[in-house]
Amino acid sequence: MTSTHPTMEQSLKPHVMLTVHNAVATISLNRPQQLNGWTLPMITAFQGAFAKAIADPEVKAIVFTAVGRYFSAGVHLAGTLKLMHPRRLRALIIEHNQQLFETFLRCPKPILVAVNGPAIGAAVTSATLCNGIIASESATFSTPFAALGIPPEGCSSVVFERLMGAEQAQRMVGPAGWVPNAEEAKAAGLVQWVVPDEQLAEQAQAIAEGWVAQGEPRRYPADIELDELLAVNARESVDLANAFLAAPFLRHQTGFLWRKRKRGPAVMFVLLWALRPVWARWL
């Protein structure tokens, strides 16, 4: 049986599309011109899509993918951090980061992530919290935490090592900043399937329908228990908030945004950086 939910699609546009076919919900990030970066509206939209898919008794499995040449450029930091009292800002960073990954962790239905192109940061780490990853041949996987001056997030401080081993995990999250392509990611244990770009949607649907037929349960990476992942996510969220308000990260973001000619956000970060000796005592 084939079904669609036009009202779902309409309510989530222009950020996300949601369709249901043969008991499989496909959630597609839909801002290709912005490289499907995770702004707050984008995050809110796909969280809403997950909630709808979970609540729909017809849906037995979920495919999470994207439209365009990028899967996602990751969290758009300049669009998610705002000037406010530093203690409140720290609390919001902890809350939002924890909730972001709990969107995936607390989903009771099996999730297949279909990576259609470059995936960066949280787009990679969240994918590893799902049942499996299928990648197109043009996909790449980047977690530039060391370059940004921030610690690992999305449970990657634990999950990466258990999936890939300590050496490969450190190559990705450490100073080397290894960015494996699809085949390299599969060889490392990060990805389970690699297919030609034009076959990604079809093959993802077939795998998900197979899960439905077999009664695939919700599984977590390397057989890690959900409670452990929730605890890791909570700890990493605190570490991330502390790093976001530290001088190296603020300095890096100021230079990055200025080079990108994003003057407004750059000024916000330079103010946070310059005034840090004053406000840091209030954290």
Foldseek 3Di string as FASTA:
>chain_A
DADFDVVLQVVLPDQWGWTDTLQEIEIAGHDVVQLSADAPSNLVSVLVNLVVLLPDPSHQEYEYAYDYAFRYPYHPVLRHQDDDQLVVSLVVLLVVQLVSLVSQLVRWHAYEYEGLAEDEAPSLLSNQFGPFYEYEQRYKYWYAQQVLQAQHASLLVPQVCLQQNDVVSCCRHHPVGDIDGPVVCCVRRSHVHYHHNVCRVVVVVVVRSVCVVVVPTIAGGNRDDSVVSSVSNSVRSSRRSVRCLDQSNLVVVLVVCVVVVVVPSSVVSVVSNVCVVPSVVVD
